[in-house]
Amino acid sequence: MDRAIRIRLILMNFFQWAVWGAYLTSMGSYLVSVGLAEKIGLFYATQGFVSIFMPAIIGIIADKYVQAQRLLGICHLIAGAAMVGAGFYGQAAGADVQFGLLYALYALSVAFYMPTVALSNSVAFRILVKNGFDTVRDFPPIRVFGTVGFICSMLFVNFMKDADGLQFQHTYNQFFVSGAAGLAVFLYSFTLPACPVNRQARSQSLAEALGAKAFGLFKNRSMATFFIFSMLLGVALQITNGFANPFISHFAGVPEYAGTWGARNANALISLSQMSETLGILLIPVAMKFLGIKKVMLVAMLAWVFRFGLFGLGNPGPGVWMFILSMIVYGVAFDFFNISGALYVEQRSSDEIKSSAQGLFMLMTNGIGATVGTLWAQLVVNHFVYDAAEPSWSTAWYIFAGYALVVAILFAVFFRDPGKGPYSKVV
């Protein structure tokens, strides 16, 4: 029975993240191919925008009205159907894709997919607890298969080709792959053990679900500084997801690099980032113990500098090692910031506001920070690449690297080091 529960949750996580992996790192390349390069930032910013309120709304429904595993399926049904619709529209429109309809279908899909990230975790936690598992010990080995699903999906759209010989990573077919994975989760979720609702629980307002109570943490200067810099660094989170594939793929049009493996397999190259991410998670306990949160966050910020800077310096030919190093660095840049930051917030928050505090951290980073970041990144890329007489991707990457460096320096100056822990509660 124990093995069966683990396998069922592993399958859920695999397809849950395969949905996202099918397009997250390659959609920008498709948008370039249909003349929507200048809208990449808006598409990716939508993920951050809906993350501000949709997970909270769906969370309230799951707590009191609809069993979590069923709601997970319903969300995936809507998200998957909308994504398949985007695929059919792309197929029918060909090169004459209109922004409005494609964006509407994509936005509907994302609005119902983003809440499933938290909802799938909630379903896994409830099922594990109900069956006597230790979530701290048993969930991470299950969750890691989500990253495996993400990577497999990326590689599938990279190497699969259509009848014309075009890779899925450059076409609307990536939407079909994502939608199919989402519909698979829809069907599978209704076979999972029940996660009963608690109709007697105190009604939670939307403001509370969004983390309103946790704003009391801003009364503490150290925590206020931490949240502000988390937002500033959150600006970097989605930049490479949106622009790395178009950047690497553009080398296929440069005679010197046209025949290189990297220029023709951008998504496969980028998948090294996700592989590095799985290893980065393992370093966090040691880093937090020996360095403390300030130094860990500084390492993450400097890793973002190298992540962007190496893109600016590298190429898929003799300089491909710089691309590979950038992918490896990503594991530290992403995990040391996101996971270590969440652990720090957990330790500084009282039991009454732990969930709200995590919601606030997500709001500042993946909500406000990532939304502003992708819109700003689009302006930079438009100016130096798509609207420039002499396009310069390197200049754009150096600007992003410079931004991360400035944030790191200011964080080192203004954030007071609380030591290596354990940390005292703030509120």
Protein backbone atom coordinates (compact mmCIF):
# COMPACT_ATOMS: atom_id res chain seq x y z
CA MET A 1 0.00 0.00 0.00
CA ASP A 2 2.80 2.44 0.93
CA ARG A 3 4.53 1.84 -2.39
CA ALA A 4 1.27 2.23 -4.29
CA ILE A 5 0.54 5.62 -2.67
CA ARG A 6 4.01 6.87 -3.54
CA ILE A 7 3.71 5.74 -7.16
CA ARG A 8 0.31 7.41 -7.53
CA LEU A 9 1.63 10.72 -6.19
CA ILE A 10 4.77 10.43 -8.31
CA LEU A 11 2.59 10.10 -11.43
CA MET A 12 0.52 13.09 -10.36
CA ASN A 13 3.62 15.24 -9.89
CA PHE A 14 5.22 14.05 -13.12
CA PHE A 15 2.29 15.15 -15.29
CA GLN A 16 1.54 18.23 -13.16
CA TRP A 17 4.92 19.73 -14.04
CA ALA A 18 5.07 18.26 -17.55
CA VAL A 19 2.18 20.61 -18.36
CA TRP A 20 4.40 23.62 -17.65
CA GLY A 21 7.60 22.21 -19.09
CA ALA A 22 5.99 21.80 -22.52
CA TYR A 23 5.92 25.55 -23.17
CA LEU A 24 7.50 27.56 -20.35
CA THR A 25 10.99 27.69 -21.85
CA SER A 26 10.02 27.48 -25.53
CA MET A 27 6.90 29.62 -25.98
CA GLY A 28 9.04 32.69 -26.61
CA SER A 29 10.55 31.01 -29.66
CA TYR A 30 7.08 30.28 -31.09
CA LEU A 31 5.97 33.86 -30.49
CA VAL A 32 9.01 35.08 -32.41
CA SER A 33 8.13 32.77 -35.33
CA VAL A 34 4.61 34.27 -35.65
CA GLY A 35 5.66 37.90 -35.34
CA LEU A 36 4.79 38.39 -31.67
CA ALA A 37 8.34 38.76 -30.35
CA GLU A 38 7.49 42.10 -28.76
CA LYS A 39 4.71 40.45 -26.73
CA ILE A 40 6.84 37.78 -25.03
CA GLY A 41 7.10 39.80 -21.83
CA LEU A 42 3.34 40.23 -21.58
CA PHE A 43 2.70 36.50 -22.00
CA TYR A 44 5.14 35.64 -19.22
CA ALA A 45 4.03 38.52 -16.99
CA THR A 46 0.52 37.06 -17.06
CA GLN A 47 1.76 34.11 -15.03
CA GLY A 48 2.89 36.47 -12.30
CA PHE A 49 -0.26 38.57 -12.44
CA VAL A 50 -2.69 35.66 -12.03
CA SER A 51 -0.46 34.25 -9.27
CA ILE A 52 -1.32 37.27 -7.15
CA PHE A 53 -4.96 36.27 -6.67
CA MET A 54 -5.98 32.98 -8.36
CA PRO A 55 -4.16 30.56 -5.98
CA ALA A 56 -5.82 32.29 -3.02
CA ILE A 57 -9.29 32.03 -4.55
CA ILE A 58 -8.87 28.37 -5.51
CA GLY A 59 -7.36 27.64 -2.08
CA ILE A 60 -10.46 28.97 -0.31
CA ILE A 61 -12.70 26.82 -2.53
CA ALA A 62 -10.59 23.72 -1.83
CA ASP A 63 -10.63 24.32 1.92
CA LYS A 64 -14.41 24.65 2.26
CA TYR A 65 -16.38 23.65 -0.80
CA VAL A 66 -14.77 21.20 -3.26
CA GLN A 67 -12.45 18.30 -2.47
CA ALA A 68 -8.91 19.30 -3.38
CA GLN A 69 -8.21 16.40 -5.76
CA ARG A 70 -11.44 17.10 -7.66
CA LEU A 71 -10.74 20.82 -7.84
CA LEU A 72 -7.25 19.99 -9.10
CA GLY A 73 -8.87 18.03 -11.93
CA ILE A 74 -11.39 20.75 -12.74
CA CYS A 75 -8.65 23.39 -12.95
CA HIS A 76 -6.60 21.16 -15.24
CA LEU A 77 -9.65 20.51 -17.41
CA ILE A 78 -10.17 24.24 -18.00
CA ALA A 79 -6.45 24.98 -18.35
CA GLY A 80 -5.82 22.00 -20.62
CA ALA A 81 -8.82 22.69 -22.85
CA ALA A 82 -7.78 26.34 -23.27
CA MET A 83 -4.21 25.30 -24.10
CA VAL A 84 -5.45 22.79 -26.69
CA GLY A 85 -7.59 25.61 -28.07
CA ALA A 86 -4.48 27.76 -28.39
CA GLY A 87 -2.84 24.91 -30.32
CA PHE A 88 -5.77 24.58 -32.72
CA TYR A 89 -5.84 28.34 -33.23
CA GLY A 90 -2.12 28.40 -33.98
CA GLN A 91 -2.57 25.54 -36.43
CA ALA A 92 -5.45 27.26 -38.23
CA ALA A 93 -3.86 30.72 -38.29
CA GLY A 94 -0.44 29.63 -39.48
CA ALA A 95 1.80 32.69 -39.76
CA ASP A 96 -1.19 35.04 -39.44
CA VAL A 97 -1.65 34.67 -35.67
CA GLN A 98 -3.57 37.50 -34.04
CA PHE A 99 -2.38 38.53 -30.60
CA GLY A 100 -5.84 38.98 -29.03
CA LEU A 101 -7.26 35.48 -29.47
CA LEU A 102 -4.02 33.61 -28.78
CA TYR A 103 -3.40 35.67 -25.66
CA ALA A 104 -6.99 35.19 -24.41
CA LEU A 105 -6.72 31.39 -24.68
CA TYR A 106 -3.27 31.39 -23.09
CA ALA A 107 -4.33 33.69 -20.24
CA LEU A 108 -7.37 31.51 -19.47
CA SER A 109 -5.15 28.43 -19.36
CA VAL A 110 -2.54 30.04 -17.13
CA ALA A 111 -5.19 31.48 -14.79
CA PHE A 112 -6.35 27.97 -13.96
CA TYR A 113 -2.97 26.24 -14.16
CA MET A 114 -1.04 28.44 -11.71
CA PRO A 115 -3.30 27.56 -8.73
CA THR A 116 -2.64 23.87 -9.37
CA VAL A 117 1.02 24.29 -8.40
CA ALA A 118 0.00 24.83 -4.77
CA LEU A 119 -3.09 22.63 -5.04
CA SER A 120 -1.12 19.58 -6.17
CA ASN A 121 1.19 20.03 -3.17
CA SER A 122 -1.83 20.27 -0.89
CA VAL A 123 -3.32 17.08 -2.34
CA ALA A 124 -0.02 15.24 -1.86
CA PHE A 125 0.35 16.45 1.74
CA ARG A 126 -3.20 15.44 2.67
CA ILE A 127 -2.88 11.97 1.13
CA LEU A 128 0.50 11.39 2.76
CA VAL A 129 -0.71 12.46 6.20
CA LYS A 130 -3.90 10.39 5.87
CA ASN A 131 -1.77 7.31 5.15
CA GLY A 132 0.69 7.88 8.00
CA PHE A 133 3.64 9.25 6.03
CA ASP A 134 6.13 11.86 7.25
CA THR A 135 5.72 14.75 4.79
CA VAL A 136 9.16 16.25 5.52
CA ARG A 137 10.84 12.92 4.79
CA ASP A 138 8.57 11.42 2.14
CA PHE A 139 7.39 14.37 0.03
CA PRO A 140 10.74 15.60 -1.46
CA PRO A 141 11.51 12.25 -3.19
CA ILE A 142 8.01 12.39 -4.68
CA ARG A 143 8.21 16.05 -5.67
CA VAL A 144 11.50 15.59 -7.50
CA PHE A 145 9.61 13.58 -10.13
CA GLY A 146 7.77 16.80 -10.93
CA THR A 147 11.07 18.27 -12.09
CA VAL A 148 11.72 15.04 -14.01
CA GLY A 149 8.36 15.51 -15.74
CA PHE A 150 9.23 19.11 -16.55
CA ILE A 151 12.56 18.05 -18.09
CA CYS A 152 11.02 15.18 -20.07
CA SER A 153 8.40 17.55 -21.47
CA MET A 154 11.09 20.06 -22.47
CA LEU A 155 13.12 17.39 -24.22
CA PHE A 156 10.02 16.01 -25.96
CA VAL A 157 9.13 19.35 -27.56
CA ASN A 158 12.80 19.87 -28.42
CA PHE A 159 13.32 16.63 -30.35
CA MET A 160 9.80 15.94 -31.68
CA LYS A 161 9.21 17.32 -35.18
CA ASP A 162 6.09 17.95 -37.25
CA ALA A 163 5.43 16.85 -40.84
CA ASP A 164 7.42 19.83 -42.13
CA GLY A 165 10.47 18.91 -40.05
CA LEU A 166 9.97 21.78 -37.56
CA GLN A 167 10.69 21.09 -33.91
CA PHE A 168 7.72 21.43 -31.56
CA GLN A 169 9.68 24.01 -29.55
CA HIS A 170 9.24 26.46 -32.44
CA THR A 171 5.59 25.70 -33.25
CA TYR A 172 2.06 25.64 -31.81
CA ASN A 173 2.49 21.88 -31.19
CA GLN A 174 3.97 22.65 -27.78
CA PHE A 175 0.51 23.84 -26.73
CA PHE A 176 -1.00 20.50 -27.75
CA VAL A 177 1.61 18.68 -25.63
CA SER A 178 0.88 20.88 -22.63
CA GLY A 179 -2.88 20.58 -23.04
CA ALA A 180 -2.71 16.79 -23.40
CA ALA A 181 -0.67 16.51 -20.18
CA GLY A 182 -3.18 18.76 -18.40
CA LEU A 183 -6.14 16.67 -19.56
CA ALA A 184 -4.28 13.56 -18.35
CA VAL A 185 -4.04 15.13 -14.86
CA PHE A 186 -7.77 15.97 -15.06
CA LEU A 187 -8.67 12.33 -15.63
CA TYR A 188 -6.10 10.98 -13.19
CA SER A 189 -7.02 13.31 -10.32
CA PHE A 190 -10.47 11.73 -10.00
CA THR A 191 -8.85 8.39 -9.21
CA LEU A 192 -6.90 9.80 -6.25
CA PRO A 193 -7.97 9.26 -2.62
CA ALA A 194 -10.49 11.81 -1.32
CA CYS A 195 -9.31 15.00 0.40
CA PRO A 196 -12.41 15.96 2.44
CA VAL A 197 -13.29 19.63 2.86
CA ASN A 198 -13.76 21.24 6.26
CA ARG A 199 -17.11 22.99 6.06
CA GLN A 200 -16.95 23.88 9.76
CA ALA A 201 -13.72 25.83 9.42
CA ARG A 202 -13.79 29.56 10.00
CA SER A 203 -14.44 31.44 6.79
CA GLN A 204 -11.26 33.00 5.44
CA SER A 205 -11.47 36.25 3.54
CA LEU A 206 -9.64 36.75 0.26
CA ALA A 207 -7.47 39.38 1.97
CA GLU A 208 -6.41 36.83 4.58
CA ALA A 209 -5.72 34.22 1.90
CA LEU A 210 -3.53 36.72 0.06
CA GLY A 211 -1.43 37.10 3.19
CA ALA A 212 -2.82 40.34 4.67
CA LYS A 213 -1.99 39.30 8.24
CA ALA A 214 1.61 38.68 7.32
CA PHE A 215 2.08 42.34 6.38
CA GLY A 216 2.73 42.81 10.10
CA LEU A 217 6.19 41.42 9.35
CA PHE A 218 6.96 44.75 7.65
CA LYS A 219 7.00 46.35 11.09
CA ASN A 220 10.34 44.64 11.60
CA ARG A 221 13.07 46.51 9.72
CA SER A 222 15.06 43.36 8.91
CA MET A 223 12.04 41.53 7.50
CA ALA A 224 10.85 44.57 5.59
CA THR A 225 14.29 44.83 3.98
CA PHE A 226 14.24 41.11 3.21
CA PHE A 227 10.84 41.27 1.49
CA ILE A 228 11.74 44.36 -0.53
CA PHE A 229 14.93 42.76 -1.83
CA SER A 230 13.05 39.51 -2.49
CA MET A 231 10.76 41.51 -4.75
CA LEU A 232 13.73 43.17 -6.46
CA LEU A 233 15.41 39.84 -7.10
CA GLY A 234 12.08 38.33 -8.15
CA VAL A 235 12.42 40.57 -11.20
CA ALA A 236 14.99 38.09 -12.53
CA LEU A 237 12.91 34.92 -12.13
CA GLN A 238 11.15 34.68 -15.51
CA ILE A 239 13.62 36.52 -17.77
CA THR A 240 15.47 33.46 -19.03
CA ASN A 241 12.26 31.41 -19.27
CA GLY A 242 10.91 33.96 -21.72
CA PHE A 243 14.00 34.93 -23.69
CA ALA A 244 16.65 32.18 -23.42
CA ASN A 245 15.13 29.99 -26.14
CA PRO A 246 14.65 32.82 -28.70
CA PHE A 247 18.18 33.99 -27.90
CA ILE A 248 19.88 30.62 -28.36
CA SER A 249 17.71 29.73 -31.37
CA HIS A 250 18.61 32.96 -33.17
CA PHE A 251 22.14 31.59 -33.64
CA ALA A 252 20.66 29.15 -36.19
CA GLY A 253 20.38 32.17 -38.49
CA VAL A 254 24.02 33.14 -37.98
CA PRO A 255 26.19 31.33 -40.57
CA GLU A 256 29.05 30.82 -38.14
CA TYR A 257 26.84 28.90 -35.68
CA ALA A 258 23.99 27.62 -37.90
CA GLY A 259 25.17 24.01 -37.82
CA THR A 260 25.94 23.80 -34.11
CA TRP A 261 23.97 21.40 -31.90
CA GLY A 262 23.14 24.10 -29.35
CA ALA A 263 21.61 26.49 -31.88
CA ARG A 264 19.31 23.70 -33.14
CA ASN A 265 18.43 22.30 -29.69
CA ALA A 266 17.90 25.28 -27.43
CA ASN A 267 15.34 23.57 -25.19
CA ALA A 268 17.58 20.56 -24.63
CA LEU A 269 20.41 22.90 -23.67
CA ILE A 270 18.14 24.87 -21.32
CA SER A 271 16.96 21.62 -19.67
CA LEU A 272 20.38 21.48 -18.00
CA SER A 273 19.09 24.33 -15.82
CA GLN A 274 16.32 22.14 -14.44
CA MET A 275 18.74 19.28 -13.89
CA SER A 276 20.97 21.65 -11.96
CA GLU A 277 17.95 22.79 -9.97
CA THR A 278 17.41 19.27 -8.60
CA LEU A 279 21.02 19.23 -7.37
CA GLY A 280 20.78 22.76 -5.95
CA ILE A 281 18.02 21.65 -3.59
CA LEU A 282 20.42 19.20 -1.93
CA LEU A 283 22.90 21.98 -1.11
CA ILE A 284 20.42 24.18 0.75
CA PRO A 285 20.48 22.51 4.21
CA VAL A 286 24.28 22.67 4.30
CA ALA A 287 24.40 26.24 2.99
CA MET A 288 21.81 27.48 5.50
CA LYS A 289 23.64 25.79 8.37
CA PHE A 290 27.11 27.10 7.57
CA LEU A 291 26.43 30.42 5.83
CA GLY A 292 23.17 31.80 7.19
CA ILE A 293 20.43 33.51 5.20
CA LYS A 294 22.32 36.69 4.24
CA LYS A 295 25.26 34.91 2.66
CA VAL A 296 22.99 32.33 1.03
CA MET A 297 20.89 35.08 -0.54
CA LEU A 298 24.04 36.90 -1.66
CA VAL A 299 25.28 33.72 -3.31
CA ALA A 300 21.93 33.48 -5.13
CA MET A 301 22.12 37.10 -6.28
CA LEU A 302 25.68 36.70 -7.56
CA ALA A 303 24.64 33.47 -9.27
CA TRP A 304 22.02 35.49 -11.20
CA VAL A 305 24.81 37.86 -12.28
CA PHE A 306 26.73 34.91 -13.74
CA ARG A 307 23.53 33.38 -15.18
CA PHE A 308 22.89 36.48 -17.30
CA GLY A 309 26.51 37.48 -17.90
CA LEU A 310 27.50 34.08 -19.29
CA PHE A 311 24.61 34.29 -21.75
CA GLY A 312 26.01 37.59 -22.93
CA LEU A 313 29.52 36.19 -23.35
CA GLY A 314 28.71 32.74 -24.75
CA ASN A 315 27.71 31.23 -28.06
CA PRO A 316 26.68 27.72 -29.21
CA GLY A 317 30.05 27.19 -30.90
CA PRO A 318 33.42 27.54 -29.10
CA GLY A 319 31.67 29.46 -26.33
CA VAL A 320 29.03 26.80 -25.61
CA TRP A 321 30.80 26.00 -22.34
CA MET A 322 29.63 29.40 -21.09
CA PHE A 323 26.03 28.47 -21.86
CA ILE A 324 26.48 25.16 -20.04
CA LEU A 325 28.03 26.93 -17.04
CA SER A 326 25.11 29.37 -17.04
CA MET A 327 22.71 26.42 -16.87
CA ILE A 328 24.63 24.90 -13.96
CA VAL A 329 24.69 28.20 -12.08
CA TYR A 330 20.91 28.45 -12.45
CA GLY A 331 20.37 25.70 -9.84
CA VAL A 332 22.03 27.86 -7.20
CA ALA A 333 20.46 31.10 -8.44
CA PHE A 334 16.91 29.72 -8.30
CA ASP A 335 16.98 27.34 -5.33
CA PHE A 336 19.11 29.43 -2.98
CA PHE A 337 16.71 32.32 -3.49
CA ASN A 338 13.30 30.66 -3.64
CA ILE A 339 13.66 27.74 -1.25
CA SER A 340 16.08 29.32 1.24
CA GLY A 341 13.96 32.46 1.30
CA ALA A 342 10.82 30.43 2.02
CA LEU A 343 12.62 28.57 4.83
CA TYR A 344 13.76 31.86 6.36
CA VAL A 345 10.23 33.29 6.26
CA GLU A 346 8.97 30.06 7.85
CA GLN A 347 11.42 30.39 10.74
CA ARG A 348 10.73 34.08 11.37
CA SER A 349 6.92 33.74 11.37
CA SER A 350 4.67 32.67 14.22
CA ASP A 351 2.41 29.64 13.80
CA GLU A 352 -0.65 31.87 13.30
CA ILE A 353 0.66 33.50 10.14
CA LYS A 354 3.01 30.92 8.60
CA SER A 355 0.77 30.27 5.60
CA SER A 356 0.06 33.98 5.15
CA ALA A 357 3.77 34.76 5.37
CA GLN A 358 4.53 32.25 2.62
CA GLY A 359 1.75 33.81 0.57
CA LEU A 360 3.34 37.21 1.06
CA PHE A 361 6.75 35.89 0.00
CA MET A 362 5.20 34.43 -3.16
CA LEU A 363 3.33 37.67 -3.80
CA MET A 364 6.51 39.74 -3.59
CA THR A 365 8.64 37.36 -5.71
CA ASN A 366 6.58 35.37 -8.21
CA GLY A 367 3.75 37.91 -8.24
CA ILE A 368 4.93 41.51 -8.24
CA GLY A 369 8.63 40.91 -8.89
CA ALA A 370 8.26 38.46 -11.77
CA THR A 371 5.48 40.49 -13.41
CA VAL A 372 7.46 43.72 -13.35
CA GLY A 373 10.60 41.86 -14.37
CA THR A 374 9.25 40.29 -17.54
CA LEU A 375 7.60 43.51 -18.69
CA TRP A 376 10.84 45.44 -18.07
CA ALA A 377 12.90 42.72 -19.77
CA GLN A 378 10.66 43.00 -22.84
CA LEU A 379 11.38 46.72 -23.07
CA VAL A 380 15.12 46.05 -22.87
CA VAL A 381 15.03 43.26 -25.48
CA ASN A 382 12.81 45.33 -27.79
CA HIS A 383 15.24 48.26 -27.62
CA PHE A 384 18.46 46.31 -28.11
CA VAL A 385 17.24 43.42 -30.26
CA TYR A 386 13.86 43.56 -32.00
CA ASP A 387 13.72 47.31 -32.68
CA ALA A 388 17.46 47.86 -33.12
CA ALA A 389 19.16 48.53 -36.45
CA GLU A 390 22.02 46.32 -35.24
CA PRO A 391 20.54 43.79 -32.77
CA SER A 392 22.66 43.03 -29.70
CA TRP A 393 21.46 40.25 -27.43
CA SER A 394 24.69 40.54 -25.43
CA THR A 395 23.88 44.11 -24.39
CA ALA A 396 20.49 42.99 -23.06
CA TRP A 397 22.03 40.17 -21.03
CA TYR A 398 24.71 42.51 -19.62
CA ILE A 399 21.99 44.92 -18.48
CA PHE A 400 20.20 42.09 -16.68
CA ALA A 401 23.49 40.99 -15.11
CA GLY A 402 24.24 44.57 -14.03
CA TYR A 403 20.82 44.85 -12.43
CA ALA A 404 21.38 41.66 -10.41
CA LEU A 405 24.80 42.93 -9.33
CA VAL A 406 23.37 46.25 -8.10
CA VAL A 407 20.69 44.40 -6.13
CA ALA A 408 23.36 42.17 -4.57
CA ILE A 409 25.51 45.13 -3.52
CA LEU A 410 22.56 47.01 -2.02
CA PHE A 411 21.40 43.87 -0.19
CA ALA A 412 24.89 43.39 1.28
CA VAL A 413 24.82 46.98 2.55
CA PHE A 414 21.28 47.28 3.87
CA PHE A 415 20.28 43.81 5.10
CA ARG A 416 21.43 43.14 8.64
CA ASP A 417 22.87 39.65 8.98
CA PRO A 418 20.72 37.69 11.50
CA GLY A 419 23.36 34.98 11.78
CA LYS A 420 23.13 31.29 10.99
CA GLY A 421 19.97 30.59 12.99
CA PRO A 422 17.86 29.43 14.64
CA TYR A 423 16.07 32.71 14.02
CA SER A 424 13.76 34.46 16.46
CA LYS A 425 10.08 34.94 15.61
CA VAL A 426 9.04 38.38 14.43
CA VAL A 427 5.23 38.17 14.54
